[in-house]
N, C-alpha and C. Protein backbone atom coordinates (compact mmCIF):
# COMPACT_ATOMS: atom_id res chain seq x y z
N MET A 1 -41.47 -29.17 -55.79
CA MET A 1 -40.71 -28.35 -54.86
C MET A 1 -39.52 -27.75 -55.54
N ILE A 2 -39.30 -26.45 -55.36
CA ILE A 2 -38.21 -25.74 -55.96
C ILE A 2 -37.03 -25.71 -54.97
N LYS A 3 -35.84 -26.07 -55.47
CA LYS A 3 -34.63 -26.07 -54.64
C LYS A 3 -33.62 -25.09 -55.27
N PHE A 4 -33.09 -24.20 -54.42
CA PHE A 4 -32.12 -23.20 -54.90
C PHE A 4 -30.71 -23.67 -54.57
N ASN A 5 -29.98 -24.11 -55.58
CA ASN A 5 -28.62 -24.57 -55.44
C ASN A 5 -27.63 -23.47 -55.78
N LYS A 6 -26.36 -23.78 -55.61
CA LYS A 6 -25.34 -22.79 -55.88
C LYS A 6 -25.37 -22.30 -57.34
N TYR A 7 -25.45 -23.21 -58.27
CA TYR A 7 -25.34 -22.84 -59.67
C TYR A 7 -26.66 -23.09 -60.45
N ALA A 8 -27.67 -23.60 -59.76
CA ALA A 8 -28.89 -23.95 -60.52
C ALA A 8 -30.10 -23.91 -59.58
N VAL A 9 -31.26 -23.78 -60.23
CA VAL A 9 -32.54 -23.93 -59.54
C VAL A 9 -33.14 -25.21 -60.11
N VAL A 10 -33.68 -26.06 -59.22
CA VAL A 10 -34.14 -27.38 -59.63
C VAL A 10 -35.58 -27.57 -59.12
N ASN A 11 -36.43 -28.09 -59.96
CA ASN A 11 -37.74 -28.55 -59.55
C ASN A 11 -37.54 -30.05 -59.25
N THR A 12 -37.63 -30.45 -58.00
CA THR A 12 -37.38 -31.81 -57.61
C THR A 12 -38.43 -32.78 -58.06
N GLU A 13 -39.62 -32.30 -58.42
CA GLU A 13 -40.69 -33.20 -58.91
C GLU A 13 -40.57 -33.45 -60.42
N THR A 14 -40.32 -32.39 -61.20
CA THR A 14 -40.23 -32.59 -62.65
C THR A 14 -38.82 -32.76 -63.14
N LYS A 15 -37.83 -32.56 -62.26
CA LYS A 15 -36.41 -32.70 -62.60
C LYS A 15 -35.91 -31.64 -63.58
N VAL A 16 -36.67 -30.57 -63.72
CA VAL A 16 -36.18 -29.46 -64.56
C VAL A 16 -35.08 -28.73 -63.80
N LYS A 17 -33.93 -28.60 -64.44
CA LYS A 17 -32.79 -27.92 -63.81
C LYS A 17 -32.34 -26.78 -64.68
N VAL A 18 -32.17 -25.58 -64.07
CA VAL A 18 -31.81 -24.39 -64.82
C VAL A 18 -30.58 -23.73 -64.20
N ARG A 19 -29.55 -23.54 -65.02
CA ARG A 19 -28.37 -22.83 -64.51
C ARG A 19 -28.70 -21.37 -64.37
N VAL A 20 -28.34 -20.78 -63.15
CA VAL A 20 -28.74 -19.41 -62.86
C VAL A 20 -27.65 -18.61 -62.20
N ILE A 21 -27.92 -17.29 -62.19
CA ILE A 21 -27.09 -16.35 -61.44
C ILE A 21 -28.08 -15.56 -60.55
N TYR A 22 -27.72 -15.33 -59.34
CA TYR A 22 -28.59 -14.57 -58.42
C TYR A 22 -28.09 -13.14 -58.24
N SER A 23 -29.03 -12.25 -58.06
CA SER A 23 -28.73 -10.83 -57.82
C SER A 23 -29.65 -10.30 -56.73
N LEU A 24 -29.13 -9.50 -55.86
CA LEU A 24 -29.89 -8.98 -54.70
C LEU A 24 -30.23 -7.51 -54.86
N ASP A 25 -31.46 -7.12 -54.57
CA ASP A 25 -31.87 -5.71 -54.46
C ASP A 25 -31.34 -4.81 -55.56
N ASN A 26 -31.63 -5.15 -56.79
CA ASN A 26 -31.08 -4.43 -57.96
C ASN A 26 -32.14 -3.59 -58.65
N ARG A 27 -33.16 -3.17 -57.92
CA ARG A 27 -34.24 -2.41 -58.53
C ARG A 27 -34.07 -0.89 -58.19
N CYS A 28 -34.47 -0.05 -59.11
CA CYS A 28 -34.33 1.40 -58.91
C CYS A 28 -35.34 1.90 -57.90
N ASP A 29 -36.43 1.17 -57.65
CA ASP A 29 -37.37 1.59 -56.65
C ASP A 29 -36.99 1.11 -55.24
N GLU A 30 -35.84 0.48 -55.13
CA GLU A 30 -35.25 0.02 -53.86
C GLU A 30 -36.07 -0.99 -53.10
N ARG A 31 -36.95 -1.67 -53.74
CA ARG A 31 -37.73 -2.73 -53.04
C ARG A 31 -36.81 -3.93 -52.92
N PRO A 32 -36.78 -4.55 -51.72
CA PRO A 32 -35.96 -5.73 -51.54
C PRO A 32 -36.46 -6.87 -52.47
N CYS A 33 -35.54 -7.49 -53.15
CA CYS A 33 -35.91 -8.53 -54.10
C CYS A 33 -34.72 -9.43 -54.38
N VAL A 34 -35.00 -10.57 -54.94
CA VAL A 34 -33.99 -11.50 -55.50
C VAL A 34 -34.31 -11.66 -56.95
N THR A 35 -33.37 -11.34 -57.80
CA THR A 35 -33.53 -11.55 -59.22
C THR A 35 -32.72 -12.76 -59.61
N ILE A 36 -33.38 -13.66 -60.33
CA ILE A 36 -32.72 -14.89 -60.77
C ILE A 36 -32.63 -14.84 -62.31
N TYR A 37 -31.39 -14.86 -62.79
CA TYR A 37 -31.17 -14.79 -64.26
C TYR A 37 -30.79 -16.20 -64.77
N GLU A 38 -31.38 -16.62 -65.85
CA GLU A 38 -30.96 -17.87 -66.48
C GLU A 38 -29.65 -17.68 -67.24
N LYS A 39 -28.68 -18.58 -67.03
CA LYS A 39 -27.41 -18.46 -67.65
C LYS A 39 -27.44 -18.81 -69.14
N ASP A 40 -28.22 -19.82 -69.46
CA ASP A 40 -28.32 -20.31 -70.86
C ASP A 40 -29.56 -19.74 -71.52
N TYR A 41 -29.69 -20.02 -72.79
CA TYR A 41 -30.79 -19.54 -73.55
C TYR A 41 -31.85 -20.61 -73.79
N GLY A 42 -31.96 -21.59 -72.90
CA GLY A 42 -32.88 -22.71 -73.04
C GLY A 42 -34.30 -22.36 -72.75
N ARG A 43 -34.56 -21.19 -72.14
CA ARG A 43 -35.92 -20.74 -71.80
C ARG A 43 -36.59 -21.68 -70.84
N ASP A 44 -35.81 -22.28 -69.89
CA ASP A 44 -36.35 -23.21 -68.93
C ASP A 44 -36.78 -22.54 -67.65
N LEU A 45 -36.29 -21.34 -67.35
CA LEU A 45 -36.68 -20.66 -66.08
C LEU A 45 -38.18 -20.38 -66.07
N ARG A 46 -38.73 -20.12 -67.21
CA ARG A 46 -40.17 -19.84 -67.31
C ARG A 46 -40.99 -21.10 -67.01
N LYS A 47 -40.38 -22.31 -67.16
CA LYS A 47 -41.08 -23.52 -66.81
C LYS A 47 -41.16 -23.67 -65.30
N LEU A 48 -40.13 -23.19 -64.57
CA LEU A 48 -40.14 -23.31 -63.13
C LEU A 48 -41.05 -22.24 -62.48
N PHE A 49 -41.09 -21.05 -63.09
CA PHE A 49 -41.86 -19.95 -62.53
C PHE A 49 -42.80 -19.37 -63.56
N PRO A 50 -43.80 -20.09 -64.05
CA PRO A 50 -44.66 -19.61 -65.13
C PRO A 50 -45.45 -18.37 -64.73
N ASP A 51 -45.79 -18.25 -63.45
CA ASP A 51 -46.60 -17.11 -63.03
C ASP A 51 -45.80 -15.84 -62.80
N LEU A 52 -44.47 -16.00 -62.68
CA LEU A 52 -43.58 -14.82 -62.44
C LEU A 52 -42.83 -14.34 -63.65
N TYR A 53 -42.72 -15.18 -64.62
CA TYR A 53 -41.91 -14.86 -65.78
C TYR A 53 -42.56 -13.75 -66.64
N LYS A 54 -41.74 -12.75 -66.96
CA LYS A 54 -42.16 -11.70 -67.91
C LYS A 54 -41.00 -11.33 -68.79
N ASN A 55 -41.24 -11.16 -70.07
CA ASN A 55 -40.22 -10.79 -71.00
C ASN A 55 -40.64 -9.49 -71.71
N TYR A 56 -39.98 -8.41 -71.36
CA TYR A 56 -40.34 -7.11 -71.92
C TYR A 56 -39.42 -6.69 -73.08
N SER A 57 -38.56 -7.55 -73.52
CA SER A 57 -37.67 -7.22 -74.64
C SER A 57 -38.44 -7.32 -75.95
N ASP A 58 -37.93 -6.64 -76.96
CA ASP A 58 -38.59 -6.73 -78.27
C ASP A 58 -37.93 -7.83 -79.06
N SER A 59 -38.48 -8.13 -80.22
CA SER A 59 -38.03 -9.23 -81.00
C SER A 59 -36.61 -9.06 -81.53
N MET A 60 -36.14 -7.82 -81.63
CA MET A 60 -34.77 -7.58 -82.13
C MET A 60 -33.73 -8.09 -81.19
N ILE A 61 -34.02 -8.12 -79.90
CA ILE A 61 -32.97 -8.50 -78.95
C ILE A 61 -33.37 -9.72 -78.11
N ASP A 62 -34.44 -10.38 -78.48
CA ASP A 62 -34.91 -11.55 -77.71
C ASP A 62 -33.81 -12.63 -77.64
N TYR A 63 -33.04 -12.78 -78.71
CA TYR A 63 -32.04 -13.82 -78.70
C TYR A 63 -31.01 -13.59 -77.58
N PHE A 64 -30.71 -12.33 -77.34
CA PHE A 64 -29.68 -11.98 -76.36
C PHE A 64 -30.25 -11.81 -74.96
N GLU A 65 -31.54 -11.80 -74.81
CA GLU A 65 -32.19 -11.62 -73.51
C GLU A 65 -32.42 -12.95 -72.85
N SER A 66 -31.72 -13.31 -71.80
CA SER A 66 -32.01 -14.58 -71.12
C SER A 66 -33.13 -14.31 -70.13
N ASP A 67 -33.79 -15.40 -69.75
CA ASP A 67 -34.93 -15.28 -68.86
C ASP A 67 -34.52 -14.78 -67.51
N LYS A 68 -35.41 -14.10 -66.84
CA LYS A 68 -35.20 -13.67 -65.48
C LYS A 68 -36.52 -13.67 -64.73
N VAL A 69 -36.42 -13.87 -63.41
CA VAL A 69 -37.55 -13.87 -62.53
C VAL A 69 -37.19 -13.04 -61.33
N VAL A 70 -38.10 -12.22 -60.87
CA VAL A 70 -37.90 -11.38 -59.69
C VAL A 70 -38.84 -11.83 -58.60
N LEU A 71 -38.24 -12.19 -57.46
CA LEU A 71 -39.03 -12.59 -56.27
C LEU A 71 -38.98 -11.45 -55.24
N PHE A 72 -40.16 -11.04 -54.82
CA PHE A 72 -40.25 -9.95 -53.82
C PHE A 72 -40.64 -10.52 -52.49
N GLU A 73 -40.48 -9.73 -51.44
CA GLU A 73 -40.89 -10.07 -50.12
C GLU A 73 -42.39 -10.47 -50.16
N GLY A 74 -42.73 -11.48 -49.48
CA GLY A 74 -44.11 -11.93 -49.46
C GLY A 74 -44.32 -13.18 -50.33
N HIS A 75 -43.46 -13.36 -51.30
CA HIS A 75 -43.60 -14.60 -52.16
C HIS A 75 -43.12 -15.81 -51.30
N GLU A 76 -43.76 -16.95 -51.49
CA GLU A 76 -43.44 -18.09 -50.65
C GLU A 76 -41.99 -18.61 -50.83
N LEU A 77 -41.37 -18.34 -51.96
CA LEU A 77 -39.99 -18.79 -52.21
C LEU A 77 -38.95 -17.70 -51.93
N TYR A 78 -39.37 -16.51 -51.58
CA TYR A 78 -38.46 -15.40 -51.41
C TYR A 78 -37.38 -15.68 -50.40
N LYS A 79 -37.73 -16.19 -49.22
CA LYS A 79 -36.75 -16.41 -48.14
C LYS A 79 -35.71 -17.40 -48.57
N HIS A 80 -36.12 -18.48 -49.25
CA HIS A 80 -35.15 -19.52 -49.70
C HIS A 80 -34.21 -18.96 -50.73
N ALA A 81 -34.77 -18.19 -51.67
CA ALA A 81 -33.92 -17.63 -52.73
C ALA A 81 -32.98 -16.56 -52.13
N ARG A 82 -33.48 -15.79 -51.16
CA ARG A 82 -32.71 -14.75 -50.52
C ARG A 82 -31.51 -15.34 -49.78
N VAL A 83 -31.70 -16.41 -49.07
CA VAL A 83 -30.59 -17.05 -48.38
C VAL A 83 -29.53 -17.51 -49.35
N ARG A 84 -29.95 -18.17 -50.44
CA ARG A 84 -28.98 -18.63 -51.43
C ARG A 84 -28.25 -17.48 -52.07
N ALA A 85 -28.95 -16.41 -52.40
CA ALA A 85 -28.32 -15.25 -53.00
C ALA A 85 -27.37 -14.54 -52.10
N GLU A 86 -27.68 -14.46 -50.82
CA GLU A 86 -26.78 -13.85 -49.84
C GLU A 86 -25.51 -14.72 -49.67
N ILE A 87 -25.66 -16.01 -49.64
CA ILE A 87 -24.49 -16.90 -49.59
C ILE A 87 -23.59 -16.67 -50.80
N GLU A 88 -24.20 -16.58 -51.98
CA GLU A 88 -23.48 -16.34 -53.19
C GLU A 88 -22.73 -15.01 -53.17
N GLN A 89 -23.38 -13.98 -52.64
CA GLN A 89 -22.78 -12.65 -52.53
C GLN A 89 -21.60 -12.67 -51.60
N ILE A 90 -21.71 -13.36 -50.47
CA ILE A 90 -20.58 -13.49 -49.49
C ILE A 90 -19.42 -14.19 -50.17
N GLU A 91 -19.69 -15.30 -50.85
CA GLU A 91 -18.58 -16.01 -51.50
C GLU A 91 -17.96 -15.18 -52.59
N LYS A 92 -18.74 -14.41 -53.33
CA LYS A 92 -18.25 -13.56 -54.40
C LYS A 92 -17.34 -12.45 -53.78
N ASP A 93 -17.77 -11.87 -52.65
CA ASP A 93 -16.95 -10.86 -52.01
C ASP A 93 -15.67 -11.45 -51.47
N LYS A 94 -15.68 -12.68 -51.00
CA LYS A 94 -14.44 -13.30 -50.50
C LYS A 94 -13.49 -13.52 -51.64
N ARG A 95 -14.02 -13.97 -52.80
CA ARG A 95 -13.14 -14.21 -53.98
C ARG A 95 -12.52 -12.88 -54.43
N ALA A 96 -13.32 -11.83 -54.40
CA ALA A 96 -12.83 -10.50 -54.83
C ALA A 96 -11.75 -10.00 -53.87
N GLN A 97 -11.93 -10.22 -52.62
CA GLN A 97 -10.92 -9.80 -51.61
C GLN A 97 -9.64 -10.60 -51.81
N GLU A 98 -9.74 -11.88 -52.12
CA GLU A 98 -8.54 -12.69 -52.34
C GLU A 98 -7.84 -12.27 -53.60
N GLU A 99 -8.57 -11.94 -54.61
CA GLU A 99 -7.92 -11.41 -55.85
C GLU A 99 -7.24 -10.06 -55.58
N ASP A 100 -7.86 -9.22 -54.81
CA ASP A 100 -7.23 -7.92 -54.45
C ASP A 100 -5.93 -8.16 -53.66
N ARG A 101 -5.97 -9.12 -52.76
CA ARG A 101 -4.80 -9.41 -51.94
C ARG A 101 -3.64 -9.91 -52.84
N LYS A 102 -3.99 -10.82 -53.80
CA LYS A 102 -2.97 -11.34 -54.71
C LYS A 102 -2.37 -10.22 -55.59
N LEU A 103 -3.27 -9.35 -56.06
CA LEU A 103 -2.75 -8.21 -56.85
C LEU A 103 -1.86 -7.29 -56.03
N ALA A 104 -2.25 -7.08 -54.77
CA ALA A 104 -1.42 -6.21 -53.91
C ALA A 104 -0.04 -6.79 -53.73
N ILE A 105 0.03 -8.11 -53.50
CA ILE A 105 1.31 -8.81 -53.32
C ILE A 105 2.13 -8.74 -54.64
N ARG A 106 1.46 -8.94 -55.75
CA ARG A 106 2.18 -8.85 -57.03
C ARG A 106 2.74 -7.48 -57.25
N TYR A 107 1.93 -6.44 -57.04
CA TYR A 107 2.42 -5.06 -57.26
C TYR A 107 3.52 -4.71 -56.26
N ALA A 108 3.41 -5.21 -55.04
CA ALA A 108 4.46 -4.92 -54.03
C ALA A 108 5.77 -5.54 -54.45
N SER A 109 5.73 -6.70 -55.13
CA SER A 109 6.96 -7.33 -55.57
C SER A 109 7.63 -6.56 -56.69
N TYR A 110 6.85 -5.73 -57.39
CA TYR A 110 7.37 -4.85 -58.42
C TYR A 110 7.93 -3.53 -57.84
N GLY A 111 7.73 -3.33 -56.58
CA GLY A 111 8.21 -2.09 -55.94
C GLY A 111 7.23 -0.95 -56.14
N LEU A 112 6.02 -1.21 -56.45
CA LEU A 112 4.99 -0.19 -56.69
C LEU A 112 4.23 0.13 -55.43
């Protein structure tokens, strides 16, 4: 069973844990999707999703290309990944708003 956590995706049966970043709807064809990027270069994401993993990079940049998996509507794990990715996006937006607020206060104290 695959579990989508805040900072990692875990296979609860094999105990494989992969640190990840989630991204929503980032395709140029505008199809709804969740893209999961591996943070490290351990190449473990392909162990969790062997049927979905594809690497289109060439050998010159493979070292810098971390694994990624794209889940589309209709995939059995899409809804679970989508919920986690949306939660992460909301939290990211809140952090950005808080940073903007702090910067506004700092600039206001300078008289700008």
